[in-house]
Amino acid sequence: MHPIPAISTDPDAPIGVFDSGVGGLSVLRHIRAQLPHEHLTYFADIGYAPYGDKPEAVVTARALAVADFLVTQGVKGLVVACNTATVAAIKAIRARYPLLPVVGVEPGLKPAVAASHNGKIGVLATDRTLSGEKFLQLRAQISGASGAEFLLMPCIGLADQINLGELDTPATQALLQRYVAPLIAQGVDTLVLGCTHYVFVQPGIEHVVERTSAHPVAIIDTGDAVARQIARLLHAAGLERMPAADANAGDCAGAAPSPTPSPARLLGYTSAGADELATAFSNLLGLAPPVQSVTI
């Protein structure tokens, strides 16, 4: 067994974020918006994607491998920006790194209940997420307390399309029609995006809703809540990165320090070709950070 890397306690260290592919970039976007001064390191495990159709043991092993890699890169906190990996592996990650602030994502069932008027809620997610013990327990708990009915829809192949950058192709539109329309036909008034990838096809989901529903349908994305939670954990641990004066300010005698914050760094790593993740950063977020392909 390899020794467990030490956890960084440097407030200037980055926050690590990972997903099986590019869906976690939707969570990264929320983190950048809420914590603009924080350095971020993103890992897309595209070489092993999708997680949603793999056995739980495989997903757990990959999630631990990626977590180990990010810890060796010196991250001070970790966001598991993947519903499937959260279900399969977050307990194992927390057990391995008990001092590391770790936040996962799970389908937003509680906010969906609050948003719903008729108590019928559709959940779009991978089969692995929907069949996971953690999700089923959460559903039973919330359904029992609220009386809400959760209609589950495993979206086979949808994350693959998004990883390929096919957000609005006929094939992706057909998948959205196949998965969303039956839920609308059953009367749901709220849809939960139970996979971080699905945020990037939300316009297509809304288009299906407009064509097939006679009433408004709320769409729930938990990325904002995840960003708030990692912010809370870092604050509690004293690990927030404060806006720092420009490193070059004050070099001249008597010069006043500049109030301009030093820029936050963003780095990308992937288990597939670097070009694929670089293209996703550009197309989905309009960013061009350094991206490196690694083998882990």
Protein backbone atom coordinates (compact mmCIF):
# COMPACT_ATOMS: atom_id res chain seq x y z
CA MET A 1 0.00 0.00 0.00
CA HIS A 2 1.35 3.42 -0.92
CA PRO A 3 1.83 5.95 1.89
CA ILE A 4 -0.99 8.47 2.20
CA PRO A 5 0.16 11.96 1.16
CA ALA A 6 0.12 14.77 3.70
CA ILE A 7 -2.71 17.31 3.56
CA SER A 8 -1.86 20.91 2.74
CA THR A 9 -2.71 23.49 5.40
CA ASP A 10 -1.59 26.45 3.30
CA PRO A 11 -4.42 28.92 2.58
CA ASP A 12 -2.69 29.69 -0.72
CA ALA A 13 -3.07 26.05 -1.84
CA PRO A 14 -5.67 25.20 -4.50
CA ILE A 15 -9.07 23.60 -4.13
CA GLY A 16 -9.25 20.30 -6.03
CA VAL A 17 -12.33 19.51 -8.11
CA PHE A 18 -12.89 16.30 -10.05
CA ASP A 19 -15.43 14.48 -12.17
CA SER A 20 -15.46 11.53 -14.53
CA GLY A 21 -15.53 14.04 -17.38
CA VAL A 22 -16.42 17.64 -18.08
CA GLY A 23 -19.70 17.84 -16.14
CA GLY A 24 -17.88 18.99 -13.02
CA LEU A 25 -17.00 22.18 -14.87
CA SER A 26 -20.55 23.27 -14.05
CA VAL A 27 -19.65 23.07 -10.35
CA LEU A 28 -16.27 24.69 -10.98
CA ARG A 29 -18.12 27.63 -12.53
CA HIS A 30 -20.09 28.15 -9.30
CA ILE A 31 -16.94 27.89 -7.18
CA ARG A 32 -15.13 30.47 -9.31
CA ALA A 33 -18.11 32.80 -9.03
CA GLN A 34 -18.34 32.52 -5.24
CA LEU A 35 -14.61 32.21 -4.45
CA PRO A 36 -12.88 34.25 -7.17
CA HIS A 37 -9.60 34.53 -5.23
CA GLU A 38 -9.14 30.77 -4.78
CA HIS A 39 -6.71 28.73 -6.87
CA LEU A 40 -8.42 25.72 -8.49
CA THR A 41 -7.18 22.42 -9.88
CA TYR A 42 -9.63 20.40 -11.98
CA PHE A 43 -9.24 16.71 -12.88
CA ALA A 44 -11.38 15.13 -15.60
CA ASP A 45 -11.10 11.33 -15.52
CA ILE A 46 -12.17 11.12 -19.15
CA GLY A 47 -9.99 8.08 -19.80
CA TYR A 48 -12.29 6.08 -17.52
CA ALA A 49 -15.59 7.84 -18.26
CA PRO A 50 -18.43 7.41 -17.85
CA TYR A 51 -18.58 6.30 -14.22
CA GLY A 52 -22.33 5.78 -14.41
CA ASP A 53 -22.17 2.39 -16.17
CA LYS A 54 -19.29 0.93 -14.13
CA PRO A 55 -19.39 -1.30 -11.03
CA GLU A 56 -19.26 0.57 -7.75
CA ALA A 57 -15.89 -0.95 -6.84
CA VAL A 58 -14.36 0.41 -10.05
CA VAL A 59 -15.78 3.89 -9.45
CA THR A 60 -14.50 3.86 -5.87
CA ALA A 61 -11.01 2.83 -6.99
CA ARG A 62 -10.88 5.56 -9.63
CA ALA A 63 -12.19 8.22 -7.26
CA LEU A 64 -9.58 7.31 -4.67
CA ALA A 65 -6.83 7.36 -7.31
CA VAL A 66 -7.88 10.83 -8.47
CA ALA A 67 -8.17 12.07 -4.88
CA ASP A 68 -4.66 10.75 -4.16
CA PHE A 69 -3.32 12.56 -7.22
CA LEU A 70 -4.94 15.85 -6.27
CA VAL A 71 -3.66 15.60 -2.70
CA THR A 72 -0.13 15.07 -4.05
CA GLN A 73 -0.68 18.28 -6.03
CA GLY A 74 -1.17 20.05 -2.70
CA VAL A 75 -4.91 20.73 -2.63
CA LYS A 76 -6.34 22.06 0.65
CA GLY A 77 -9.90 20.91 -0.03
CA LEU A 78 -11.66 18.55 -2.42
CA VAL A 79 -14.95 18.76 -4.30
CA VAL A 80 -16.22 15.48 -5.73
CA ALA A 81 -18.15 17.13 -8.57
CA CYS A 82 -19.76 13.89 -9.70
CA ASN A 83 -22.97 12.39 -8.35
CA THR A 84 -21.92 8.83 -9.18
CA ALA A 85 -18.51 9.18 -7.49
CA THR A 86 -20.13 10.81 -4.46
CA VAL A 87 -22.50 7.88 -4.04
CA ALA A 88 -19.75 5.29 -4.50
CA ALA A 89 -16.68 6.80 -2.93
CA ILE A 90 -17.09 9.85 -0.72
CA LYS A 91 -17.08 7.78 2.48
CA ALA A 92 -13.85 6.10 1.39
CA ILE A 93 -12.24 9.43 0.49
CA ARG A 94 -13.18 10.96 3.85
CA ALA A 95 -11.89 7.87 5.66
CA ARG A 96 -8.55 8.10 3.86
CA TYR A 97 -8.26 11.87 4.37
CA PRO A 98 -10.11 12.70 7.61
CA LEU A 99 -8.47 16.14 7.90
CA LEU A 100 -9.24 17.20 4.32
CA PRO A 101 -12.38 19.30 3.74
CA VAL A 102 -14.37 17.18 1.27
CA VAL A 103 -17.68 18.07 -0.38
CA GLY A 104 -19.69 15.82 -2.65
CA VAL A 105 -22.73 16.39 -4.81
CA GLU A 106 -26.03 14.61 -4.57
CA PRO A 107 -29.34 15.12 -6.34
CA GLY A 108 -31.16 18.12 -4.87
CA LEU A 109 -34.18 16.29 -3.52
CA LYS A 110 -34.77 18.68 -0.61
CA PRO A 111 -34.78 21.85 -2.73
CA ALA A 112 -36.95 20.03 -5.25
CA VAL A 113 -39.58 19.34 -2.60
CA ALA A 114 -39.50 23.02 -1.64
CA ALA A 115 -39.95 24.05 -5.28
CA SER A 116 -42.69 21.57 -6.17
CA HIS A 117 -46.37 22.48 -5.97
CA ASN A 118 -47.84 19.05 -6.70
CA GLY A 119 -45.25 16.80 -5.05
CA LYS A 120 -44.33 15.02 -8.29
CA ILE A 121 -40.59 15.30 -8.94
CA GLY A 122 -38.55 13.81 -11.76
CA VAL A 123 -34.91 12.89 -11.15
CA LEU A 124 -32.52 12.68 -14.11
CA ALA A 125 -29.30 10.84 -13.23
CA THR A 126 -27.04 7.93 -14.11
CA ASP A 127 -28.20 4.42 -13.35
CA ARG A 128 -25.35 4.05 -10.83
CA THR A 129 -26.52 7.13 -8.89
CA LEU A 130 -30.18 6.09 -8.88
CA SER A 131 -29.44 2.54 -7.73
CA GLY A 132 -26.95 3.58 -5.04
CA GLU A 133 -27.82 2.84 -1.41
CA LYS A 134 -27.10 6.43 -0.33
CA PHE A 135 -29.51 7.89 -2.88
CA LEU A 136 -32.25 5.35 -2.15
CA GLN A 137 -32.01 6.07 1.58
CA LEU A 138 -32.18 9.82 0.92
CA ARG A 139 -35.20 9.38 -1.33
CA ALA A 140 -37.01 7.22 1.22
CA GLN A 141 -36.27 9.68 4.02
CA ILE A 142 -37.42 12.77 2.13
CA SER A 143 -40.41 11.05 0.54
CA GLY A 144 -41.54 9.77 3.92
CA ALA A 145 -41.23 13.19 5.53
CA SER A 146 -42.79 15.19 2.71
CA GLY A 147 -45.09 12.80 0.88
CA ALA A 148 -43.36 13.72 -2.39
CA GLU A 149 -43.25 11.20 -5.22
CA PHE A 150 -39.87 10.88 -6.93
CA LEU A 151 -39.94 9.50 -10.47
CA LEU A 152 -36.49 8.22 -11.43
CA MET A 153 -35.07 8.34 -14.95
CA PRO A 154 -31.66 6.78 -15.68
CA CYS A 155 -30.21 8.76 -18.60
CA ILE A 156 -28.03 6.18 -20.33
CA GLY A 157 -25.62 7.73 -22.81
CA LEU A 158 -26.37 11.38 -22.02
CA ALA A 159 -23.14 12.10 -20.12
CA ASP A 160 -21.21 10.54 -23.01
CA GLN A 161 -22.76 13.00 -25.45
CA ILE A 162 -21.85 15.92 -23.20
CA ASN A 163 -18.27 14.70 -22.78
CA LEU A 164 -18.04 14.69 -26.58
CA GLY A 165 -19.22 18.29 -26.68
CA GLU A 166 -22.45 17.32 -28.43
CA LEU A 167 -24.76 19.60 -26.48
CA ASP A 168 -27.30 20.40 -29.18
CA THR A 169 -26.95 17.69 -31.81
CA PRO A 170 -29.92 15.65 -33.09
CA ALA A 171 -28.65 12.63 -31.14
CA THR A 172 -28.54 14.57 -27.88
CA GLN A 173 -31.93 16.16 -28.55
CA ALA A 174 -33.36 12.68 -29.12
CA LEU A 175 -31.97 11.47 -25.78
CA LEU A 176 -33.43 14.46 -23.96
CA GLN A 177 -36.81 13.84 -25.56
CA ARG A 178 -36.62 10.16 -24.58
CA TYR A 179 -35.79 10.88 -20.95
CA VAL A 180 -37.65 14.11 -20.16
CA ALA A 181 -40.95 13.68 -22.03
CA PRO A 182 -42.13 10.58 -20.08
CA LEU A 183 -41.61 12.43 -16.79
CA ILE A 184 -43.62 15.38 -18.06
CA ALA A 185 -46.35 12.98 -19.19
CA GLN A 186 -46.54 11.65 -15.62
CA GLY A 187 -47.20 15.16 -14.32
CA VAL A 188 -43.94 16.23 -12.70
CA ASP A 189 -43.63 19.94 -12.00
CA THR A 190 -39.98 19.80 -10.90
CA LEU A 191 -36.91 18.17 -12.47
CA VAL A 192 -33.72 17.43 -10.56
CA LEU A 193 -30.47 17.43 -12.54
CA GLY A 194 -28.86 14.49 -10.74
CA CYS A 195 -25.63 14.57 -12.75
CA THR A 196 -23.33 17.57 -13.00
CA HIS A 197 -23.03 17.02 -16.76
CA TYR A 198 -26.71 17.73 -17.33
CA VAL A 199 -26.41 21.43 -16.49
CA PHE A 200 -24.77 21.92 -19.88
CA VAL A 201 -27.85 20.60 -21.70
CA GLN A 202 -30.35 22.47 -19.54
CA PRO A 203 -31.45 24.60 -22.52
CA GLY A 204 -32.34 21.39 -24.37
CA ILE A 205 -34.21 20.08 -21.34
CA GLU A 206 -36.13 23.35 -21.12
CA HIS A 207 -36.99 23.04 -24.81
CA VAL A 208 -38.52 19.59 -24.26
CA VAL A 209 -40.46 20.96 -21.29
CA GLU A 210 -41.81 23.86 -23.35
CA ARG A 211 -43.02 21.47 -26.05
CA THR A 212 -44.56 18.86 -23.78
CA SER A 213 -45.71 20.50 -20.54
CA ALA A 214 -48.85 22.58 -20.03
CA HIS A 215 -47.47 24.06 -16.81
CA PRO A 216 -44.13 25.51 -15.63
CA VAL A 217 -41.48 23.03 -14.51
CA ALA A 218 -38.74 24.01 -12.06
CA ILE A 219 -35.23 22.68 -12.74
CA ILE A 220 -32.94 22.06 -9.77
CA ASP A 221 -29.12 22.29 -10.00
CA THR A 222 -27.12 21.92 -6.76
CA GLY A 223 -23.83 23.41 -7.97
CA ASP A 224 -24.38 26.68 -6.12
CA ALA A 225 -24.99 24.86 -2.83
CA VAL A 226 -21.81 22.79 -3.31
CA ALA A 227 -19.77 25.97 -3.77
CA ARG A 228 -21.27 27.45 -0.60
CA GLN A 229 -20.43 24.31 1.36
CA ILE A 230 -16.75 24.18 0.37
CA ALA A 231 -16.55 27.89 1.23
CA ARG A 232 -17.98 27.16 4.70
CA LEU A 233 -15.57 24.29 5.33
CA LEU A 234 -12.53 26.30 4.26
CA HIS A 235 -13.62 29.21 6.45
CA ALA A 236 -14.10 26.91 9.45
CA ALA A 237 -10.62 25.43 8.91
CA GLY A 238 -8.97 28.83 8.48
CA LEU A 239 -7.98 27.92 4.92
CA GLU A 240 -9.60 30.74 2.95
CA ARG A 241 -7.28 32.50 0.52
CA MET A 242 -7.54 36.20 1.11
CA PRO A 243 -7.13 38.74 -1.71
CA ALA A 244 -3.41 39.47 -1.68
CA ALA A 245 -1.57 42.58 -2.82
CA ASP A 246 0.22 42.26 -6.13
CA ALA A 247 3.54 40.51 -5.56
CA ASN A 248 5.39 43.29 -7.38
CA ALA A 249 3.79 46.09 -5.40
CA GLY A 250 5.92 48.12 -3.02
CA ASP A 251 9.28 47.13 -4.50
CA CYS A 252 10.26 50.77 -4.75
CA ALA A 253 11.03 52.60 -1.51
CA GLY A 254 8.01 54.50 -0.30
CA ALA A 255 5.67 52.98 -2.86
CA ALA A 256 2.19 52.27 -1.58
CA PRO A 257 1.06 48.63 -1.78
CA SER A 258 -1.29 47.92 -4.64
CA PRO A 259 -4.81 46.82 -3.65
CA THR A 260 -5.04 44.68 -6.79
CA PRO A 261 -5.41 40.99 -5.85
CA SER A 262 -2.96 38.55 -7.34
CA PRO A 263 -4.81 36.45 -9.91
CA ALA A 264 -6.19 33.07 -8.97
CA ARG A 265 -4.67 30.14 -10.86
CA LEU A 266 -6.67 27.49 -12.69
CA LEU A 267 -5.04 24.24 -13.80
CA GLY A 268 -6.52 21.22 -15.56
CA TYR A 269 -5.50 17.57 -15.57
CA THR A 270 -7.05 14.64 -17.39
CA SER A 271 -6.53 10.91 -17.85
CA ALA A 272 -7.28 11.34 -21.58
CA GLY A 273 -5.88 13.70 -24.19
CA ALA A 274 -5.24 17.23 -22.97
CA ASP A 275 -6.88 18.71 -26.07
CA GLU A 276 -10.24 17.23 -25.12
CA LEU A 277 -10.34 18.95 -21.73
CA ALA A 278 -8.88 22.16 -23.14
CA THR A 279 -11.67 22.25 -25.71
CA ALA A 280 -14.27 21.72 -22.98
CA PHE A 281 -12.83 24.58 -20.91
CA SER A 282 -13.04 26.82 -23.96
CA ASN A 283 -16.47 25.76 -25.22
CA LEU A 284 -18.24 25.44 -21.86
CA LEU A 285 -16.60 28.15 -19.75
CA GLY A 286 -14.76 30.38 -22.20
CA LEU A 287 -11.45 29.70 -20.41
CA ALA A 288 -8.01 28.57 -21.57
CA PRO A 289 -6.08 27.27 -18.55
CA PRO A 290 -3.00 25.04 -18.83
CA VAL A 291 -4.12 21.41 -19.22
CA GLN A 292 -1.94 18.33 -18.79
CA SER A 293 -2.59 14.67 -19.53
CA VAL A 294 -1.45 12.31 -16.76
CA THR A 295 -1.54 8.57 -16.13
CA ILE A 296 -2.81 7.46 -12.73
